[in-house]
Amino acid sequence: MAIIRRFALRCATVLVAVSVLGGCGRGSSDLEQWVAEVKAKPGPPLDAVPVMQRFETFVYNDQGLRDPFAAPVDANRTASGPRPDPDRRKQVLEAYPLDGLVMVGTLGSGDHIIGLVMSPDKVTHRVTAEPKTYLGQNDGRVIAISRTKIDLTELVPDGAGGWIERPATIALPNQ
């Protein structure tokens, strides 16, 4: 009985394959006819080529003029104004912005007061007015130290290629 079932299954498979392949033998004449009809139809009309717009030409004569990207030159400015010293070695506290430094106290008395300043990395540094100590990122030079504050002078750019001195203070926080 099992042999008959296998034989019947094989015959059914062969019949299905023959009927499927029999449908593939039909000609493609209708497809060829449709392609010929589509090719025979005229194509849609093309849009007209747009007219190119004419622009007025302009010749820029820049000989003898100032470079627009160069810093402005002020004839009234003298080179003797305040300027940072490019040859001076930077000190440790110049790596931090002035608002990141905190005065934590003083040592000494009279004219020989030493200020104590804590940097953002929680290290306490000694600062003095003589020899000059520099603080902050704007060449801030310590000019006076009292029990409650440290006075300094910063050099900041004035926006026109020069420098101006600006007073600043680091005060002992209220306790």
Foldseek 3Di string as FASTA:
>chain_A
DVVVVVVVVVVVVVVVVVVVVVVVPDDCVVVVVVVVVVVPDDDDDDDDDDDDDDDDDDDDDCPPHDDPPDFDDDPPDDPPDDDDDPPDDADDQQVAAPVQKAWAWWDDDDQDIWTWIAGNVRDIDTADLVVWDAHHNQRWTFNDDDGFKTKTWGWDDPRRPHTDIDIDMHTHDDD
